[in-house]
N, C-alpha and C. Protein backbone atom coordinates (compact mmCIF):
# COMPACT_ATOMS: atom_id res chain seq x y z
N MET A 1 115.87 96.38 93.00
CA MET A 1 115.16 96.21 94.43
C MET A 1 114.44 95.03 93.99
N THR A 2 114.73 93.65 94.80
CA THR A 2 113.86 92.58 94.74
C THR A 2 112.59 92.83 95.08
N SER A 3 111.56 92.01 94.64
CA SER A 3 110.25 92.37 94.93
C SER A 3 109.94 92.09 96.43
N ASN A 4 110.55 91.04 96.85
CA ASN A 4 110.33 90.68 98.33
C ASN A 4 110.84 91.79 99.37
N VAL A 5 111.93 92.54 98.83
CA VAL A 5 112.36 93.52 99.61
C VAL A 5 111.54 94.84 99.46
N GLY A 6 111.04 94.88 98.27
CA GLY A 6 110.13 96.29 97.72
C GLY A 6 108.98 96.14 98.51
N GLN A 7 108.37 94.89 98.95
CA GLN A 7 107.19 94.84 99.27
C GLN A 7 107.04 94.85 100.98
N SER A 8 108.33 95.10 101.49
CA SER A 8 108.40 95.44 102.91
C SER A 8 108.20 96.83 103.15
N TYR A 9 108.56 97.66 102.26
CA TYR A 9 108.47 99.09 102.52
C TYR A 9 107.07 99.61 102.19
N PRO A 10 106.55 100.71 102.80
CA PRO A 10 105.04 101.03 102.33
C PRO A 10 105.19 101.80 100.93
N TYR A 11 104.26 101.81 100.55
CA TYR A 11 103.96 102.46 99.18
C TYR A 11 103.64 103.81 99.24
N THR A 12 102.83 104.01 100.13
CA THR A 12 102.08 105.41 100.43
C THR A 12 101.68 105.46 101.79
N SER A 13 101.01 106.59 102.02
CA SER A 13 100.22 106.68 103.15
C SER A 13 98.86 107.36 102.77
N GLU A 14 97.81 107.13 103.67
CA GLU A 14 96.60 107.73 103.45
C GLU A 14 96.11 108.28 104.95
N THR A 15 94.96 109.34 104.71
CA THR A 15 94.46 109.71 106.11
C THR A 15 93.53 108.58 106.73
N GLU A 16 92.99 108.96 107.73
CA GLU A 16 92.06 108.08 108.46
C GLU A 16 90.91 107.95 107.46
N PRO A 17 90.33 109.11 107.09
CA PRO A 17 89.06 108.94 106.08
C PRO A 17 89.25 108.20 104.92
N GLU A 18 90.46 108.32 104.54
CA GLU A 18 90.66 107.66 103.27
C GLU A 18 90.77 106.02 103.45
N ARG A 19 91.39 105.73 104.63
CA ARG A 19 91.78 104.31 105.24
C ARG A 19 90.36 103.86 105.21
N ALA A 20 89.52 104.55 106.15
CA ALA A 20 88.13 103.86 106.49
C ALA A 20 87.26 103.68 105.34
N ALA A 21 87.32 104.46 104.51
CA ALA A 21 86.50 104.18 103.13
C ALA A 21 86.97 103.13 102.26
N ALA A 22 88.48 103.09 102.18
CA ALA A 22 88.79 101.92 101.45
C ALA A 22 88.41 100.64 101.97
N ILE A 23 88.65 100.76 103.31
CA ILE A 23 88.23 99.30 104.10
C ILE A 23 86.61 99.13 103.90
N ALA A 24 85.87 99.91 104.07
CA ALA A 24 84.58 99.89 104.04
C ALA A 24 83.97 99.41 102.54
N ALA A 25 84.58 100.03 101.54
CA ALA A 25 84.29 99.53 100.23
C ALA A 25 84.86 98.12 99.85
N THR A 26 86.04 97.65 100.55
CA THR A 26 86.63 96.35 100.21
C THR A 26 85.60 95.50 100.73
N VAL A 27 85.61 95.65 102.27
CA VAL A 27 84.51 94.32 102.68
C VAL A 27 83.29 94.29 102.42
N SER A 28 82.89 95.28 101.79
CA SER A 28 81.60 95.23 101.26
C SER A 28 81.34 94.62 99.74
N ALA A 29 82.58 94.30 99.46
CA ALA A 29 82.81 93.89 97.72
C ALA A 29 82.88 92.48 97.78
N TYR A 30 83.34 91.99 99.09
CA TYR A 30 83.61 90.39 99.23
C TYR A 30 82.90 89.68 100.16
N GLU A 31 82.05 88.80 99.89
CA GLU A 31 81.25 88.10 100.88
C GLU A 31 81.97 87.44 101.84
N GLY A 32 81.51 87.79 103.24
CA GLY A 32 82.31 87.15 104.24
C GLY A 32 83.51 87.66 104.98
N LEU A 33 83.98 88.60 104.08
CA LEU A 33 85.12 89.71 104.63
C LEU A 33 85.06 90.28 105.58
N ALA A 34 83.99 90.99 105.83
CA ALA A 34 83.52 91.85 106.88
C ALA A 34 83.59 91.05 108.20
N ASP A 35 83.05 89.94 108.36
CA ASP A 35 83.01 89.08 109.32
C ASP A 35 84.46 88.50 109.77
N LYS A 36 85.10 88.23 108.67
CA LYS A 36 86.72 87.77 108.99
C LYS A 36 87.19 88.74 109.64
N VAL A 37 87.33 90.02 109.08
CA VAL A 37 88.09 91.18 109.36
C VAL A 37 87.52 91.67 111.12
N ARG A 38 86.27 91.59 111.17
CA ARG A 38 85.83 91.65 112.76
C ARG A 38 86.26 90.63 113.78
N HIS A 39 86.23 89.55 113.27
CA HIS A 39 86.86 88.28 114.07
C HIS A 39 88.51 88.30 114.31
N GLU A 40 89.14 88.72 113.47
CA GLU A 40 90.53 88.62 113.44
C GLU A 40 91.25 89.90 113.73
N THR A 41 90.50 90.92 114.05
CA THR A 41 91.27 92.26 114.56
C THR A 41 90.79 92.94 115.63
N THR A 42 91.28 93.83 116.43
CA THR A 42 90.94 94.92 117.37
C THR A 42 91.08 96.19 116.80
N PRO A 43 90.17 97.07 117.61
CA PRO A 43 90.09 98.43 116.94
C PRO A 43 91.55 99.00 116.74
N LEU A 44 91.56 100.16 115.78
CA LEU A 44 92.80 101.06 115.60
C LEU A 44 92.60 101.96 116.72
N GLY A 45 93.74 102.63 117.01
CA GLY A 45 93.95 103.83 117.71
C GLY A 45 93.28 104.97 117.12
N ASP A 46 93.67 106.29 117.40
CA ASP A 46 93.57 107.49 116.95
C ASP A 46 94.53 108.26 115.87
N ASP A 47 95.11 107.34 115.13
CA ASP A 47 96.32 107.81 114.34
C ASP A 47 95.92 108.71 113.14
N LEU A 48 96.25 109.68 112.52
CA LEU A 48 95.54 110.66 111.53
C LEU A 48 96.14 110.01 110.15
N ARG A 49 97.26 109.13 110.13
CA ARG A 49 97.77 108.76 108.97
C ARG A 49 97.99 107.24 108.94
N TRP A 50 97.98 106.34 108.06
CA TRP A 50 98.35 105.10 107.89
C TRP A 50 98.90 104.53 106.85
N TRP A 51 99.78 103.62 106.76
CA TRP A 51 100.62 103.20 105.86
C TRP A 51 99.98 102.39 104.82
N VAL A 52 100.08 102.37 103.44
CA VAL A 52 99.58 101.57 102.55
C VAL A 52 100.68 100.67 101.76
N TRP A 53 100.52 99.29 101.39
CA TRP A 53 101.57 98.76 100.83
C TRP A 53 100.89 98.08 99.49
N LYS A 54 101.90 97.66 98.50
CA LYS A 54 101.52 97.32 97.37
C LYS A 54 101.06 95.84 97.84
N CYS A 55 100.03 95.12 97.16
CA CYS A 55 99.74 93.73 97.31
C CYS A 55 100.73 92.77 96.74
N PRO A 56 101.26 91.82 97.61
CA PRO A 56 102.25 90.88 96.97
C PRO A 56 101.69 89.86 96.11
N ALA A 57 100.38 89.60 96.00
CA ALA A 57 99.83 88.36 95.48
C ALA A 57 100.28 88.69 93.99
N PRO A 58 100.77 87.64 93.24
CA PRO A 58 101.09 87.52 91.91
C PRO A 58 100.10 88.19 90.80
N GLY A 59 100.25 89.14 90.41
CA GLY A 59 99.64 89.72 89.15
C GLY A 59 98.59 90.85 89.69
N CYS A 60 98.50 90.97 91.02
CA CYS A 60 97.55 91.89 91.86
C CYS A 60 98.11 93.37 91.67
N PRO A 61 97.51 94.27 90.92
CA PRO A 61 97.82 95.61 91.15
C PRO A 61 97.38 96.56 92.34
N GLY A 62 96.63 95.84 93.24
CA GLY A 62 96.09 96.33 94.64
C GLY A 62 96.88 96.81 95.60
N HIS A 63 96.36 97.42 96.68
CA HIS A 63 96.92 98.13 97.80
C HIS A 63 96.44 97.53 99.11
N LEU A 64 97.21 97.38 99.93
CA LEU A 64 96.90 96.79 101.39
C LEU A 64 96.84 97.74 102.35
N HIS A 65 95.22 97.89 102.81
CA HIS A 65 95.15 98.92 103.75
C HIS A 65 94.92 98.48 105.25
N VAL A 66 95.17 99.19 106.05
CA VAL A 66 95.16 98.54 107.35
C VAL A 66 93.76 98.56 107.73
N ALA A 67 93.08 97.44 108.50
CA ALA A 67 92.05 97.29 108.87
C ALA A 67 91.77 97.25 110.31
N GLY A 68 92.85 97.03 110.86
CA GLY A 68 92.92 96.92 112.52
C GLY A 68 94.23 96.27 112.67
N TYR A 69 94.17 96.02 114.20
CA TYR A 69 95.34 95.22 114.79
C TYR A 69 95.06 93.92 114.78
N ALA A 70 95.88 93.11 114.56
CA ALA A 70 95.82 91.59 114.68
C ALA A 70 95.37 91.13 116.17
N ARG A 71 94.44 90.32 116.22
CA ARG A 71 93.85 89.93 117.46
C ARG A 71 94.83 88.80 118.17
N ASP A 72 95.70 88.07 117.21
CA ASP A 72 96.20 87.08 117.94
C ASP A 72 97.89 87.29 117.59
N ALA A 73 98.51 88.37 117.16
CA ALA A 73 99.58 88.83 116.71
C ALA A 73 99.79 90.10 117.06
N HIS A 74 101.07 90.54 117.24
CA HIS A 74 101.78 91.94 117.39
C HIS A 74 101.82 92.16 116.08
N ALA A 75 100.83 92.84 115.29
CA ALA A 75 100.92 93.32 113.74
C ALA A 75 99.60 93.93 113.50
N VAL A 76 99.83 94.82 112.27
CA VAL A 76 98.81 95.55 111.76
C VAL A 76 98.07 94.55 110.75
N TYR A 77 96.74 94.33 110.44
CA TYR A 77 96.00 93.34 109.80
C TYR A 77 95.89 94.35 108.68
N VAL A 78 96.03 93.85 107.49
CA VAL A 78 95.73 94.62 106.08
C VAL A 78 94.75 93.92 105.11
N VAL A 79 94.16 94.59 104.37
CA VAL A 79 93.22 94.01 103.32
C VAL A 79 93.38 94.67 102.02
N CYS A 80 93.70 93.72 101.01
CA CYS A 80 93.71 94.14 99.58
C CYS A 80 92.69 94.80 98.97
N ASP A 81 92.57 96.01 98.42
CA ASP A 81 91.53 96.50 97.83
C ASP A 81 91.07 96.00 96.72
N THR A 82 91.92 95.23 95.87
CA THR A 82 91.60 94.44 94.65
C THR A 82 91.32 93.15 94.76
N CYS A 83 92.09 92.54 95.48
CA CYS A 83 91.62 90.80 95.34
C CYS A 83 91.18 90.39 96.74
N GLY A 84 90.81 91.20 97.79
CA GLY A 84 90.35 90.82 99.00
C GLY A 84 91.28 90.17 99.99
N ARG A 85 92.50 89.87 99.57
CA ARG A 85 93.59 89.25 100.28
C ARG A 85 93.69 89.84 101.62
N THR A 86 93.80 89.13 102.96
CA THR A 86 94.34 89.61 104.25
C THR A 86 95.69 89.42 104.35
N ALA A 87 96.33 90.07 105.31
CA ALA A 87 97.63 89.66 105.71
C ALA A 87 98.26 90.54 107.00
N LEU A 88 99.32 90.12 107.63
CA LEU A 88 99.65 90.63 108.66
C LEU A 88 101.01 91.61 108.07
N ARG A 89 101.04 92.58 108.71
CA ARG A 89 102.33 93.66 108.34
C ARG A 89 103.16 94.15 109.76
């Protein structure tokens, strides 16, 4: 499977507490990331599980965790737990 196709599919899923903990740790590790996420997202619903994807950044072994819904697009807003990259899924 080519990497661009493989990155379109979720890697795993996580519970809401796992997702919240991963996002809290990630935004606290990168200066300005908490403000960026707050300004670019709307709150999530009451789902019990969320998808996790592999980060597509070259050489990054991280995972993309759902941080909210994109404010200006119909997509979920994700943050990489390793490089701090944000993206839409």
